[in-house]
C-alpha atoms as a PDB file:
ATOM      1  CA  MET A   1    -101.509-135.103 187.562  1.00  0.00           C
ATOM      2  CA  SER A   2    -105.003-134.148 188.666  1.00  0.00           C
ATOM      3  CA  ASP A   3    -105.789-132.153 191.777  1.00  0.00           C
ATOM      4  CA  LYS A   4    -107.260-135.278 193.372  1.00  0.00           C
ATOM      5  CA  GLN A   5    -104.109-137.329 192.740  1.00  0.00           C
ATOM      6  CA  ALA A   6    -101.886-134.593 194.130  1.00  0.00           C
ATOM      7  CA  LYS A   7    -103.918-133.995 197.295  1.00  0.00           C
ATOM      8  CA  GLY A   8    -105.264-137.470 197.861  1.00  0.00           C
ATOM      9  CA  ILE A   9    -108.817-138.235 198.829  1.00  0.00           C
ATOM     10  CA  TYR A  10    -110.443-139.739 201.894  1.00  0.00           C
ATOM     11  CA  ILE A  11    -112.742-142.747 202.077  1.00  0.00           C
ATOM     12  CA  THR A  12    -114.290-144.269 205.167  1.00  0.00           C
ATOM     13  CA  GLN A  13    -113.867-147.954 205.889  1.00  0.00           C
ATOM     14  CA  PHE A  14    -117.641-148.426 205.698  1.00  0.00           C
ATOM     15  CA  ASP A  15    -117.941-146.674 202.302  1.00  0.00           C
ATOM     16  CA  LEU A  16    -114.944-148.564 200.910  1.00  0.00           C
ATOM     17  CA  LYS A  17    -116.471-151.911 201.810  1.00  0.00           C
ATOM     18  CA  ARG A  18    -119.851-151.063 200.287  1.00  0.00           C
ATOM     19  CA  LEU A  19    -118.341-149.548 197.143  1.00  0.00           C
ATOM     20  CA  ARG A  20    -116.092-152.563 196.535  1.00  0.00           C
ATOM     21  CA  GLU A  21    -119.141-154.828 196.906  1.00  0.00           C
ATOM     22  CA  LEU A  22    -121.024-152.617 194.437  1.00  0.00           C
ATOM     23  CA  ILE A  23    -118.201-152.833 191.890  1.00  0.00           C
ATOM     24  CA  LYS A  24    -117.884-156.590 192.301  1.00  0.00           C
ATOM     25  CA  SER A  25    -121.621-157.192 191.819  1.00  0.00           C
ATOM     26  CA  ALA A  26    -121.927-154.765 188.880  1.00  0.00           C
ATOM     27  CA  LYS A  27    -118.960-155.965 186.802  1.00  0.00           C
ATOM     28  CA  PRO A  28    -120.478-159.234 185.542  1.00  0.00           C
ATOM     29  CA  VAL A  29    -123.648-157.517 184.257  1.00  0.00           C
ATOM     30  CA  ASP A  30    -122.378-154.091 183.215  1.00  0.00           C
ATOM     31  CA  ARG A  31    -121.099-153.844 179.640  1.00  0.00           C
ATOM     32  CA  ASP A  32    -119.689-150.332 180.079  1.00  0.00           C
ATOM     33  CA  ARG A  33    -117.106-150.917 182.772  1.00  0.00           C
ATOM     34  CA  LYS A  34    -115.300-147.570 182.395  1.00  0.00           C
ATOM     35  CA  HIS A  35    -117.208-145.986 185.278  1.00  0.00           C
ATOM     36  CA  LEU A  36    -116.523-149.025 187.460  1.00  0.00           C
ATOM     37  CA  ASN A  37    -112.821-148.899 186.578  1.00  0.00           C
ATOM     38  CA  ASP A  38    -112.745-145.154 187.294  1.00  0.00           C
ATOM     39  CA  LEU A  39    -114.285-145.735 190.708  1.00  0.00           C
ATOM     40  CA  GLU A  40    -111.815-148.544 191.440  1.00  0.00           C
ATOM     41  CA  ASP A  41    -108.957-146.192 190.528  1.00  0.00           C
ATOM     42  CA  GLU A  42    -110.292-143.533 192.904  1.00  0.00           C
ATOM     43  CA  LEU A  43    -110.648-146.045 195.744  1.00  0.00           C
ATOM     44  CA  SER A  44    -107.115-147.376 195.216  1.00  0.00           C
ATOM     45  CA  ARG A  45    -105.685-143.856 195.731  1.00  0.00           C
ATOM     46  CA  ALA A  46    -107.830-142.993 198.731  1.00  0.00           C
ATOM     47  CA  LYS A  47    -106.644-142.619 202.298  1.00  0.00           C
ATOM     48  CA  LEU A  48    -108.661-145.038 204.429  1.00  0.00           C
ATOM     49  CA  VAL A  49    -110.080-143.460 207.595  1.00  0.00           C
ATOM     50  CA  ASP A  50    -112.390-144.540 210.371  1.00  0.00           C
ATOM     51  CA  PRO A  51    -115.827-142.918 209.953  1.00  0.00           C
ATOM     52  CA  LYS A  52    -115.331-141.047 213.227  1.00  0.00           C
ATOM     53  CA  ASP A  53    -112.048-139.591 211.929  1.00  0.00           C
ATOM     54  CA  VAL A  54    -113.075-138.415 208.452  1.00  0.00           C
ATOM     55  CA  PRO A  55    -112.603-134.648 208.084  1.00  0.00           C
ATOM     56  CA  GLU A  56    -115.943-132.815 208.248  1.00  0.00           C
ATOM     57  CA  ASP A  57    -115.388-131.106 204.886  1.00  0.00           C
ATOM     58  CA  VAL A  58    -114.972-134.312 202.804  1.00  0.00           C
ATOM     59  CA  ILE A  59    -117.680-135.592 200.452  1.00  0.00           C
ATOM     60  CA  THR A  60    -118.542-139.116 201.565  1.00  0.00           C
ATOM     61  CA  MET A  61    -121.390-141.373 200.473  1.00  0.00           C
ATOM     62  CA  ASN A  62    -124.795-139.828 201.218  1.00  0.00           C
ATOM     63  CA  SER A  63    -123.282-136.358 201.618  1.00  0.00           C
ATOM     64  CA  LYS A  64    -125.154-133.325 200.305  1.00  0.00           C
ATOM     65  CA  PHE A  65    -122.928-130.655 198.776  1.00  0.00           C
ATOM     66  CA  SER A  66    -122.846-127.546 196.627  1.00  0.00           C
ATOM     67  CA  LEU A  67    -120.698-127.130 193.499  1.00  0.00           C
ATOM     68  CA  GLU A  68    -119.889-124.091 191.406  1.00  0.00           C
ATOM     69  CA  ASP A  69    -119.168-124.392 187.674  1.00  0.00           C
ATOM     70  CA  LEU A  70    -115.935-122.406 187.314  1.00  0.00           C
ATOM     71  CA  ASP A  71    -116.664-121.547 183.685  1.00  0.00           C
ATOM     72  CA  SER A  72    -120.318-120.477 183.878  1.00  0.00           C
ATOM     73  CA  GLY A  73    -120.614-119.533 187.560  1.00  0.00           C
ATOM     74  CA  GLU A  74    -123.674-121.793 187.881  1.00  0.00           C
ATOM     75  CA  ARG A  75    -124.190-123.276 191.330  1.00  0.00           C
ATOM     76  CA  MET A  76    -125.838-126.612 191.962  1.00  0.00           C
ATOM     77  CA  THR A  77    -126.551-128.909 194.886  1.00  0.00           C
ATOM     78  CA  PHE A  78    -126.309-132.697 194.854  1.00  0.00           C
ATOM     79  CA  ALA A  79    -126.468-135.666 197.200  1.00  0.00           C
ATOM     80  CA  LEU A  80    -124.033-138.525 196.507  1.00  0.00           C
ATOM     81  CA  SER A  81    -125.916-141.822 196.506  1.00  0.00           C
ATOM     82  CA  PHE A  82    -125.579-145.489 195.791  1.00  0.00           C
ATOM     83  CA  PRO A  83    -127.120-146.364 192.395  1.00  0.00           C
ATOM     84  CA  ALA A  84    -130.345-147.785 193.848  1.00  0.00           C
ATOM     85  CA  ASP A  85    -131.000-144.528 195.730  1.00  0.00           C
ATOM     86  CA  ALA A  86    -130.032-142.106 192.949  1.00  0.00           C
ATOM     87  CA  ASP A  87    -132.708-139.770 191.583  1.00  0.00           C
ATOM     88  CA  PRO A  88    -131.186-137.094 189.328  1.00  0.00           C
ATOM     89  CA  GLU A  89    -134.470-135.167 189.195  1.00  0.00           C
ATOM     90  CA  GLU A  90    -134.222-134.772 192.975  1.00  0.00           C
ATOM     91  CA  GLY A  91    -130.516-133.911 192.875  1.00  0.00           C
ATOM     92  CA  SER A  92    -129.372-137.313 194.081  1.00  0.00           C
ATOM     93  CA  ILE A  93    -126.558-138.598 191.858  1.00  0.00           C
ATOM     94  CA  SER A  94    -125.091-142.080 191.700  1.00  0.00           C
ATOM     95  CA  VAL A  95    -121.496-142.654 192.711  1.00  0.00           C
ATOM     96  CA  LEU A  96    -121.240-144.485 189.370  1.00  0.00           C
ATOM     97  CA  ALA A  97    -122.215-141.380 187.375  1.00  0.00           C
ATOM     98  CA  PRO A  98    -119.160-139.482 186.086  1.00  0.00           C
ATOM     99  CA  ILE A  99    -119.747-136.565 188.454  1.00  0.00           C
ATOM    100  CA  GLY A 100    -120.398-138.946 191.368  1.00  0.00           C
ATOM    101  CA  THR A 101    -117.116-140.770 190.829  1.00  0.00           C
ATOM    102  CA  ALA A 102    -115.373-137.428 190.365  1.00  0.00           C
ATOM    103  CA  VAL A 103    -116.501-135.869 193.670  1.00  0.00           C
ATOM    104  CA  ILE A 104    -116.127-138.694 196.162  1.00  0.00           C
ATOM    105  CA  GLY A 105    -113.397-137.883 198.662  1.00  0.00           C
ATOM    106  CA  TYR A 106    -113.043-134.244 197.628  1.00  0.00           C
ATOM    107  CA  ARG A 107    -112.995-131.455 200.211  1.00  0.00           C
ATOM    108  CA  VAL A 108    -114.617-128.036 200.364  1.00  0.00           C
ATOM    109  CA  GLY A 109    -112.532-125.656 198.251  1.00  0.00           C
ATOM    110  CA  ASP A 110    -111.146-128.390 195.967  1.00  0.00           C
ATOM    111  CA  THR A 111    -111.417-128.063 192.197  1.00  0.00           C
ATOM    112  CA  ILE A 112    -112.780-131.002 190.221  1.00  0.00           C
ATOM    113  CA  GLU A 113    -112.032-131.534 186.539  1.00  0.00           C
ATOM    114  CA  TRP A 114    -113.461-134.269 184.372  1.00  0.00           C
ATOM    115  CA  GLU A 115    -114.049-135.006 180.726  1.00  0.00           C
ATOM    116  CA  VAL A 116    -117.579-134.918 179.326  1.00  0.00           C
ATOM    117  CA  PRO A 117    -118.606-135.343 175.671  1.00  0.00           C
ATOM    118  CA  ALA A 118    -118.622-131.547 175.225  1.00  0.00           C
ATOM    119  CA  GLY A 119    -115.109-131.147 176.697  1.00  0.00           C
ATOM    120  CA  LYS A 120    -113.560-130.636 180.122  1.00  0.00           C
ATOM    121  CA  ARG A 121    -115.719-129.315 182.980  1.00  0.00           C
ATOM    122  CA  ARG A 122    -114.324-127.621 186.081  1.00  0.00           C
ATOM    123  CA  PHE A 123    -116.171-127.307 189.375  1.00  0.00           C
ATOM    124  CA  ARG A 124    -115.263-126.155 192.858  1.00  0.00           C
ATOM    125  CA  VAL A 125    -116.734-127.747 195.958  1.00  0.00           C
ATOM    126  CA  ARG A 126    -118.374-124.731 197.598  1.00  0.00           C
ATOM    127  CA  LYS A 127    -120.021-126.146 200.674  1.00  0.00           C
ATOM    128  CA  LEU A 128    -120.837-129.391 202.415  1.00  0.00           C
ATOM    129  CA  LEU A 129    -124.451-129.164 203.518  1.00  0.00           C
ATOM    130  CA  TYR A 130    -124.602-132.602 205.150  1.00  0.00           C
ATOM    131  CA  GLN A 131    -122.078-135.339 205.819  1.00  0.00           C
ATOM    132  CA  PRO A 132    -123.380-138.482 207.579  1.00  0.00           C
ATOM    133  CA  GLU A 133    -120.189-138.988 209.591  1.00  0.00           C
ATOM    134  CA  ALA A 134    -120.156-135.404 210.887  1.00  0.00           C
ATOM    135  CA  ALA A 135    -123.810-135.839 211.885  1.00  0.00           C
ATOM    136  CA  GLY A 136    -123.004-139.091 213.737  1.00  0.00           C
ATOM    137  CA  ASP A 137    -124.791-141.235 211.127  1.00  0.00           C
ATOM    138  CA  TYR A 138    -122.038-143.802 210.603  1.00  0.00           C
ATOM    139  CA  ASN A 139    -123.991-146.533 208.826  1.00  0.00           C
ATOM    140  CA  LEU A 140    -125.939-144.784 206.072  1.00  0.00           C
END
């Protein structure tokens, strides 16, 4: 059982609605549905919360956060975006990218593990630099 399954993750009602719409619209045109299925699995396990009640240390859509690679010690900063807004060169990753699907709903201090072609990667959520809900931006 992964850390995420054991602890559970949080998703706001607003994010859940938009992510389900994204999955529904992408499935007919996307040949590689694994990432969509992975995201659906994450959403099905999530605890649904009102945007005003989401804990301030949870990665939600449009959050900016810092990760630490537990094997190399490398630190990196990302913003979690919808696919149309993603720009990896600017540090904005899509929720449909493997790392994007992996981090949604995680909290500061949580460890994230996921498979990549080179093997398993392990990261810790170090810091949440911006969360829309904590900033009062409920409809980003």
